Amino acid sequence: MVTLSQATVMALACVVLIAVPGPSVLFVVGRALSHGRANALASVVGNAIGCYLVGVAIAFGLGPLLERSELLFQSIKWAGILYLFWLGFQALRHAGPASDAPEVTARVETPLAAVRAGTIVGLTNPKSFVLFTAIVPQFIAPSAGNATAQILILGIVPLLIGLITDTAWALAAGRARSWLAKSPRRMTTFGRIGGLSIIGVGVSAAVTGNGH
């Protein structure tokens, strides 16, 4: 079974990959600036769920399939990129205070929709696959047996780290948005910045990590 020392050492390795601002952080900040703190927090939960589902899939055999199929890997990657573009353009379209645009208010996302959006991003984020194919397996103890169970248990560690760090970013960006809301013009500007940052995540994923 997984030991405390295994989990501790792996946590240190994961902090560098997860805590440093990257695609998930830019996505969460973009959601906070364009949709608000509550939406960003729901997106954090969804992103964590999506990342862990990647770990579950890899634990039960997706990892070897991805290693053998470049087409499958690229399909998953580009599905995520296109979804990020769509989210970013939606944020750009609806940037601005709700009071100035009644039609936008009717389209405000529900928490469930935000969780769903975050889950899709987490599922298709190349970093999730790197985490569960390059880092987590290094801390599996063959002598302990049941590698699948070890991956599932060890996968909880990066999930918790991601929840903590992404929540901190969401709260910080949400607070900045509340201050910016005092000025409609600034709110519109930063709402657009949020949308552009989400699109930027997609562009970054498109031009990096072309292989496994």
C-alpha atoms as a PDB file:
ATOM      1  CA  MET A   1       0.000   0.000   0.000  1.00  0.00           C
ATOM      2  CA  VAL A   2       1.034   3.608  -0.451  1.00  0.00           C
ATOM      3  CA  THR A   3       3.190   4.952   2.376  1.00  0.00           C
ATOM      4  CA  LEU A   4       3.317   8.462   3.827  1.00  0.00           C
ATOM      5  CA  SER A   5       6.889   8.918   2.607  1.00  0.00           C
ATOM      6  CA  GLN A   6       5.812   8.054  -0.963  1.00  0.00           C
ATOM      7  CA  ALA A   7       3.041  10.644  -0.862  1.00  0.00           C
ATOM      8  CA  THR A   8       5.264  13.290   0.734  1.00  0.00           C
ATOM      9  CA  VAL A   9       8.097  12.992  -1.774  1.00  0.00           C
ATOM     10  CA  MET A  10       5.664  12.969  -4.683  1.00  0.00           C
ATOM     11  CA  ALA A  11       3.913  16.048  -3.307  1.00  0.00           C
ATOM     12  CA  LEU A  12       7.202  17.956  -3.420  1.00  0.00           C
ATOM     13  CA  ALA A  13       7.697  16.890  -7.025  1.00  0.00           C
ATOM     14  CA  CYS A  14       4.156  17.905  -7.977  1.00  0.00           C
ATOM     15  CA  VAL A  15       4.286  21.353  -6.356  1.00  0.00           C
ATOM     16  CA  VAL A  16       6.731  22.605  -8.976  1.00  0.00           C
ATOM     17  CA  LEU A  17       4.525  21.432 -11.843  1.00  0.00           C
ATOM     18  CA  ILE A  18       1.198  22.518 -10.350  1.00  0.00           C
ATOM     19  CA  ALA A  19       1.828  25.613  -8.205  1.00  0.00           C
ATOM     20  CA  VAL A  20       3.846  27.576 -10.773  1.00  0.00           C
ATOM     21  CA  PRO A  21       1.408  29.570 -12.955  1.00  0.00           C
ATOM     22  CA  GLY A  22       0.560  27.586 -16.048  1.00  0.00           C
ATOM     23  CA  PRO A  23      -2.453  26.662 -18.192  1.00  0.00           C
ATOM     24  CA  SER A  24      -4.800  25.810 -15.300  1.00  0.00           C
ATOM     25  CA  VAL A  25      -3.902  28.993 -13.416  1.00  0.00           C
ATOM     26  CA  LEU A  26      -4.414  31.171 -16.501  1.00  0.00           C
ATOM     27  CA  PHE A  27      -7.727  29.441 -17.128  1.00  0.00           C
ATOM     28  CA  VAL A  28      -8.961  30.005 -13.571  1.00  0.00           C
ATOM     29  CA  VAL A  29      -7.789  33.636 -13.509  1.00  0.00           C
ATOM     30  CA  GLY A  30      -9.428  34.210 -16.873  1.00  0.00           C
ATOM     31  CA  ARG A  31     -12.706  32.787 -15.573  1.00  0.00           C
ATOM     32  CA  ALA A  32     -12.522  34.964 -12.454  1.00  0.00           C
ATOM     33  CA  LEU A  33     -11.947  38.134 -14.477  1.00  0.00           C
ATOM     34  CA  SER A  34     -14.582  37.384 -17.089  1.00  0.00           C
ATOM     35  CA  HIS A  35     -17.273  35.609 -15.010  1.00  0.00           C
ATOM     36  CA  GLY A  36     -16.536  36.274 -11.337  1.00  0.00           C
ATOM     37  CA  ARG A  37     -15.139  34.536  -8.261  1.00  0.00           C
ATOM     38  CA  ALA A  38     -17.948  31.992  -7.792  1.00  0.00           C
ATOM     39  CA  ASN A  39     -17.623  30.833 -11.385  1.00  0.00           C
ATOM     40  CA  ALA A  40     -13.846  30.560 -11.034  1.00  0.00           C
ATOM     41  CA  LEU A  41     -14.129  28.474  -7.860  1.00  0.00           C
ATOM     42  CA  ALA A  42     -16.598  26.133  -9.561  1.00  0.00           C
ATOM     43  CA  SER A  43     -14.153  25.892 -12.484  1.00  0.00           C
ATOM     44  CA  VAL A  44     -11.377  24.962 -10.027  1.00  0.00           C
ATOM     45  CA  VAL A  45     -13.464  22.058  -8.755  1.00  0.00           C
ATOM     46  CA  GLY A  46     -14.232  20.951 -12.300  1.00  0.00           C
ATOM     47  CA  ASN A  47     -10.585  21.201 -13.340  1.00  0.00           C
ATOM     48  CA  ALA A  48      -9.548  19.020 -10.388  1.00  0.00           C
ATOM     49  CA  ILE A  49     -12.201  16.451 -11.311  1.00  0.00           C
ATOM     50  CA  GLY A  50     -11.037  16.421 -14.918  1.00  0.00           C
ATOM     51  CA  CYS A  51      -7.382  16.001 -13.963  1.00  0.00           C
ATOM     52  CA  TYR A  52      -8.183  13.125 -11.621  1.00  0.00           C
ATOM     53  CA  LEU A  53     -10.330  11.427 -14.259  1.00  0.00           C
ATOM     54  CA  VAL A  54      -7.236  11.456 -16.471  1.00  0.00           C
ATOM     55  CA  GLY A  55      -5.414   9.646 -13.658  1.00  0.00           C
ATOM     56  CA  VAL A  56      -8.235   7.108 -13.400  1.00  0.00           C
ATOM     57  CA  ALA A  57      -8.143   6.492 -17.157  1.00  0.00           C
ATOM     58  CA  ILE A  58      -4.363   6.068 -17.129  1.00  0.00           C
ATOM     59  CA  ALA A  59      -4.526   3.805 -14.079  1.00  0.00           C
ATOM     60  CA  PHE A  60      -6.911   1.491 -15.937  1.00  0.00           C
ATOM     61  CA  GLY A  61      -4.986   1.377 -19.186  1.00  0.00           C
ATOM     62  CA  LEU A  62      -5.235   4.623 -21.182  1.00  0.00           C
ATOM     63  CA  GLY A  63      -1.542   5.368 -20.617  1.00  0.00           C
ATOM     64  CA  PRO A  64      -0.265   2.502 -22.821  1.00  0.00           C
ATOM     65  CA  LEU A  65      -2.814   3.420 -25.522  1.00  0.00           C
ATOM     66  CA  LEU A  66      -1.620   7.026 -25.581  1.00  0.00           C
ATOM     67  CA  GLU A  67       1.982   5.879 -25.827  1.00  0.00           C
ATOM     68  CA  ARG A  68       1.148   3.755 -28.874  1.00  0.00           C
ATOM     69  CA  SER A  69      -1.290   6.101 -30.620  1.00  0.00           C
ATOM     70  CA  GLU A  70      -0.119   9.551 -31.639  1.00  0.00           C
ATOM     71  CA  LEU A  71      -3.520  10.114 -33.260  1.00  0.00           C
ATOM     72  CA  LEU A  72      -5.386   9.505 -29.983  1.00  0.00           C
ATOM     73  CA  PHE A  73      -3.036  11.779 -28.044  1.00  0.00           C
ATOM     74  CA  GLN A  74      -3.337  14.601 -30.584  1.00  0.00           C
ATOM     75  CA  SER A  75      -7.131  14.188 -30.802  1.00  0.00           C
ATOM     76  CA  ILE A  76      -7.506  14.672 -27.050  1.00  0.00           C
ATOM     77  CA  LYS A  77      -5.072  17.573 -27.072  1.00  0.00           C
ATOM     78  CA  TRP A  78      -6.784  19.454 -29.917  1.00  0.00           C
ATOM     79  CA  ALA A  79     -10.261  18.865 -28.548  1.00  0.00           C
ATOM     80  CA  GLY A  80      -9.130  20.688 -25.416  1.00  0.00           C
ATOM     81  CA  ILE A  81      -7.504  23.492 -27.400  1.00  0.00           C
ATOM     82  CA  LEU A  82     -10.650  24.130 -29.453  1.00  0.00           C
ATOM     83  CA  TYR A  83     -12.770  24.129 -26.301  1.00  0.00           C
ATOM     84  CA  LEU A  84     -10.488  26.712 -24.704  1.00  0.00           C
ATOM     85  CA  PHE A  85     -10.806  28.917 -27.785  1.00  0.00           C
ATOM     86  CA  TRP A  86     -14.598  28.659 -27.554  1.00  0.00           C
ATOM     87  CA  LEU A  87     -14.594  29.561 -23.838  1.00  0.00           C
ATOM     88  CA  GLY A  88     -12.287  32.514 -24.494  1.00  0.00           C
ATOM     89  CA  PHE A  89     -14.403  33.890 -27.311  1.00  0.00           C
ATOM     90  CA  GLN A  90     -17.540  33.530 -25.184  1.00  0.00           C
ATOM     91  CA  ALA A  91     -15.831  35.540 -22.423  1.00  0.00           C
ATOM     92  CA  LEU A  92     -14.883  38.231 -24.951  1.00  0.00           C
ATOM     93  CA  ARG A  93     -18.444  38.424 -26.264  1.00  0.00           C
ATOM     94  CA  HIS A  94     -19.957  38.853 -22.824  1.00  0.00           C
ATOM     95  CA  ALA A  95     -17.291  41.075 -21.251  1.00  0.00           C
ATOM     96  CA  GLY A  96     -18.684  43.969 -19.247  1.00  0.00           C
ATOM     97  CA  PRO A  97     -20.971  44.628 -16.276  1.00  0.00           C
ATOM     98  CA  ALA A  98     -24.309  42.809 -16.342  1.00  0.00           C
ATOM     99  CA  SER A  99     -26.207  46.022 -15.609  1.00  0.00           C
ATOM    100  CA  ASP A 100     -25.082  47.481 -18.931  1.00  0.00           C
ATOM    101  CA  ALA A 101     -26.117  44.378 -20.879  1.00  0.00           C
ATOM    102  CA  PRO A 102     -29.339  42.701 -19.704  1.00  0.00           C
ATOM    103  CA  GLU A 103     -29.050  40.039 -22.360  1.00  0.00           C
ATOM    104  CA  VAL A 104     -25.781  38.856 -20.836  1.00  0.00           C
ATOM    105  CA  THR A 105     -27.379  38.367 -17.447  1.00  0.00           C
ATOM    106  CA  ALA A 106     -29.646  35.688 -18.881  1.00  0.00           C
ATOM    107  CA  ARG A 107     -26.581  33.804 -20.060  1.00  0.00           C
ATOM    108  CA  VAL A 108     -24.675  33.808 -16.793  1.00  0.00           C
ATOM    109  CA  GLU A 109     -23.312  30.324 -16.213  1.00  0.00           C
ATOM    110  CA  THR A 110     -24.702  28.159 -13.449  1.00  0.00           C
ATOM    111  CA  PRO A 111     -22.202  26.576 -11.014  1.00  0.00           C
ATOM    112  CA  LEU A 112     -22.840  23.204 -12.682  1.00  0.00           C
ATOM    113  CA  ALA A 113     -21.983  24.640 -16.102  1.00  0.00           C
ATOM    114  CA  ALA A 114     -18.759  26.117 -14.682  1.00  0.00           C
ATOM    115  CA  VAL A 115     -17.838  22.763 -13.122  1.00  0.00           C
ATOM    116  CA  ARG A 116     -18.510  21.071 -16.462  1.00  0.00           C
ATOM    117  CA  ALA A 117     -16.318  23.583 -18.309  1.00  0.00           C
ATOM    118  CA  GLY A 118     -13.492  23.094 -15.817  1.00  0.00           C
ATOM    119  CA  THR A 119     -13.810  19.308 -16.069  1.00  0.00           C
ATOM    120  CA  ILE A 120     -13.443  19.358 -19.849  1.00  0.00           C
ATOM    121  CA  VAL A 121     -10.377  21.594 -19.587  1.00  0.00           C
ATOM    122  CA  GLY A 122      -8.836  19.311 -16.941  1.00  0.00           C
ATOM    123  CA  LEU A 123      -9.552  16.220 -19.048  1.00  0.00           C
ATOM    124  CA  THR A 124      -7.867  17.662 -22.124  1.00  0.00           C
ATOM    125  CA  ASN A 125      -4.986  19.508 -20.455  1.00  0.00           C
ATOM    126  CA  PRO A 126      -1.673  17.934 -21.622  1.00  0.00           C
ATOM    127  CA  LYS A 127      -0.230  18.712 -18.177  1.00  0.00           C
ATOM    128  CA  SER A 128      -2.684  16.210 -16.658  1.00  0.00           C
ATOM    129  CA  PHE A 129      -1.255  13.469 -18.848  1.00  0.00           C
ATOM    130  CA  VAL A 130       2.312  14.502 -18.057  1.00  0.00           C
ATOM    131  CA  LEU A 131       1.484  14.386 -14.356  1.00  0.00           C
ATOM    132  CA  PHE A 132       0.007  10.890 -14.427  1.00  0.00           C
ATOM    133  CA  THR A 133       2.353   9.331 -16.976  1.00  0.00           C
ATOM    134  CA  ALA A 134       5.695  10.918 -16.031  1.00  0.00           C
ATOM    135  CA  ILE A 135       5.524  11.821 -12.334  1.00  0.00           C
ATOM    136  CA  VAL A 136       3.035   9.657 -10.441  1.00  0.00           C
ATOM    137  CA  PRO A 137       4.341   6.324 -11.828  1.00  0.00           C
ATOM    138  CA  GLN A 138       7.827   7.117 -10.514  1.00  0.00           C
ATOM    139  CA  PHE A 139       6.522   6.757  -6.969  1.00  0.00           C
ATOM    140  CA  ILE A 140       4.811   3.409  -7.397  1.00  0.00           C
ATOM    141  CA  ALA A 141       6.338   0.693  -5.200  1.00  0.00           C
ATOM    142  CA  PRO A 142       6.280  -2.607  -7.166  1.00  0.00           C
ATOM    143  CA  SER A 143       6.741  -4.562  -3.950  1.00  0.00           C
ATOM    144  CA  ALA A 144       3.474  -3.121  -2.614  1.00  0.00           C
ATOM    145  CA  GLY A 145       1.486  -4.633  -5.486  1.00  0.00           C
ATOM    146  CA  ASN A 146      -1.699  -3.369  -7.199  1.00  0.00           C
ATOM    147  CA  ALA A 147      -0.182  -0.545  -9.251  1.00  0.00           C
ATOM    148  CA  THR A 148      -3.638   0.621 -10.335  1.00  0.00           C
ATOM    149  CA  ALA A 149      -4.698   1.257  -6.739  1.00  0.00           C
ATOM    150  CA  GLN A 150      -1.418   3.034  -6.021  1.00  0.00           C
ATOM    151  CA  ILE A 151      -1.931   5.407  -8.973  1.00  0.00           C
ATOM    152  CA  LEU A 152      -5.479   6.158  -7.817  1.00  0.00           C
ATOM    153  CA  ILE A 153      -4.338   6.895  -4.265  1.00  0.00           C
ATOM    154  CA  LEU A 154      -1.214   8.839  -5.207  1.00  0.00           C
ATOM    155  CA  GLY A 155      -3.290  10.832  -7.691  1.00  0.00           C
ATOM    156  CA  ILE A 156      -5.166  12.401  -4.787  1.00  0.00           C
ATOM    157  CA  VAL A 157      -1.986  14.279  -3.815  1.00  0.00           C
ATOM    158  CA  PRO A 158      -1.681  16.464  -6.967  1.00  0.00           C
ATOM    159  CA  LEU A 159      -5.475  16.862  -6.921  1.00  0.00           C
ATOM    160  CA  LEU A 160      -5.334  18.455  -3.456  1.00  0.00           C
ATOM    161  CA  ILE A 161      -2.337  20.613  -4.377  1.00  0.00           C
ATOM    162  CA  GLY A 162      -4.143  21.845  -7.476  1.00  0.00           C
ATOM    163  CA  LEU A 163      -7.303  22.613  -5.505  1.00  0.00           C
ATOM    164  CA  ILE A 164      -5.383  24.683  -2.955  1.00  0.00           C
ATOM    165  CA  THR A 165      -3.221  26.661  -5.384  1.00  0.00           C
ATOM    166  CA  ASP A 166      -5.930  27.232  -7.999  1.00  0.00           C
ATOM    167  CA  THR A 167      -8.382  28.321  -5.298  1.00  0.00           C
ATOM    168  CA  ALA A 168      -5.858  30.882  -4.074  1.00  0.00           C
ATOM    169  CA  TRP A 169      -5.498  32.272  -7.600  1.00  0.00           C
ATOM    170  CA  ALA A 170      -9.275  32.311  -8.095  1.00  0.00           C
ATOM    171  CA  LEU A 171      -9.849  34.221  -4.845  1.00  0.00           C
ATOM    172  CA  ALA A 172      -7.132  36.748  -5.664  1.00  0.00           C
ATOM    173  CA  ALA A 173      -8.451  37.342  -9.179  1.00  0.00           C
ATOM    174  CA  GLY A 174     -12.033  37.447  -7.884  1.00  0.00           C
ATOM    175  CA  ARG A 175     -11.114  40.133  -5.378  1.00  0.00           C
ATOM    176  CA  ALA A 176      -9.450  42.168  -8.107  1.00  0.00           C
ATOM    177  CA  ARG A 177     -12.588  41.813 -10.226  1.00  0.00           C
ATOM    178  CA  SER A 178     -14.777  43.100  -7.383  1.00  0.00           C
ATOM    179  CA  TRP A 179     -12.609  46.220  -7.161  1.00  0.00           C
ATOM    180  CA  LEU A 180     -12.627  46.638 -10.929  1.00  0.00           C
ATOM    181  CA  ALA A 181     -16.428  46.371 -10.992  1.00  0.00           C
ATOM    182  CA  LYS A 182     -16.595  49.888  -9.546  1.00  0.00           C
ATOM    183  CA  SER A 183     -15.601  51.111 -13.007  1.00  0.00           C
ATOM    184  CA  PRO A 184     -17.676  49.727 -15.932  1.00  0.00           C
ATOM    185  CA  ARG A 185     -14.932  50.558 -18.402  1.00  0.00           C
ATOM    186  CA  ARG A 186     -12.238  48.797 -16.380  1.00  0.00           C
ATOM    187  CA  MET A 187     -14.575  45.844 -15.818  1.00  0.00           C
ATOM    188  CA  THR A 188     -15.106  45.470 -19.556  1.00  0.00           C
ATOM    189  CA  THR A 189     -11.376  45.769 -20.225  1.00  0.00           C
ATOM    190  CA  PHE A 190     -10.404  43.145 -17.676  1.00  0.00           C
ATOM    191  CA  GLY A 191     -13.252  40.891 -18.727  1.00  0.00           C
ATOM    192  CA  ARG A 192     -11.711  40.915 -22.189  1.00  0.00           C
ATOM    193  CA  ILE A 193      -8.278  40.283 -20.687  1.00  0.00           C
ATOM    194  CA  GLY A 194      -9.783  37.242 -18.983  1.00  0.00           C
ATOM    195  CA  GLY A 195     -11.132  35.981 -22.295  1.00  0.00           C
ATOM    196  CA  LEU A 196      -7.810  36.598 -24.030  1.00  0.00           C
ATOM    197  CA  SER A 197      -5.939  34.760 -21.261  1.00  0.00           C
ATOM    198  CA  ILE A 198      -8.142  31.697 -21.797  1.00  0.00           C
ATOM    199  CA  ILE A 199      -7.477  31.869 -25.552  1.00  0.00           C
ATOM    200  CA  GLY A 200      -3.784  32.248 -24.692  1.00  0.00           C
ATOM    201  CA  VAL A 201      -3.895  28.944 -22.807  1.00  0.00           C
ATOM    202  CA  GLY A 202      -5.160  27.294 -25.979  1.00  0.00           C
ATOM    203  CA  VAL A 203      -2.464  28.941 -28.105  1.00  0.00           C
ATOM    204  CA  SER A 204       0.212  27.857 -25.617  1.00  0.00           C
ATOM    205  CA  ALA A 205      -1.022  24.258 -25.719  1.00  0.00           C
ATOM    206  CA  ALA A 206      -1.112  24.374 -29.526  1.00  0.00           C
ATOM    207  CA  VAL A 207       2.520  25.474 -29.961  1.00  0.00           C
ATOM    208  CA  THR A 208       4.088  23.351 -27.214  1.00  0.00           C
ATOM    209  CA  GLY A 209       4.141  19.690 -26.340  1.00  0.00           C
ATOM    210  CA  ASN A 210       3.821  18.360 -29.877  1.00  0.00           C
ATOM    211  CA  GLY A 211       4.843  14.909 -28.810  1.00  0.00           C
ATOM    212  CA  HIS A 212       4.384  12.577 -25.891  1.00  0.00           C
END
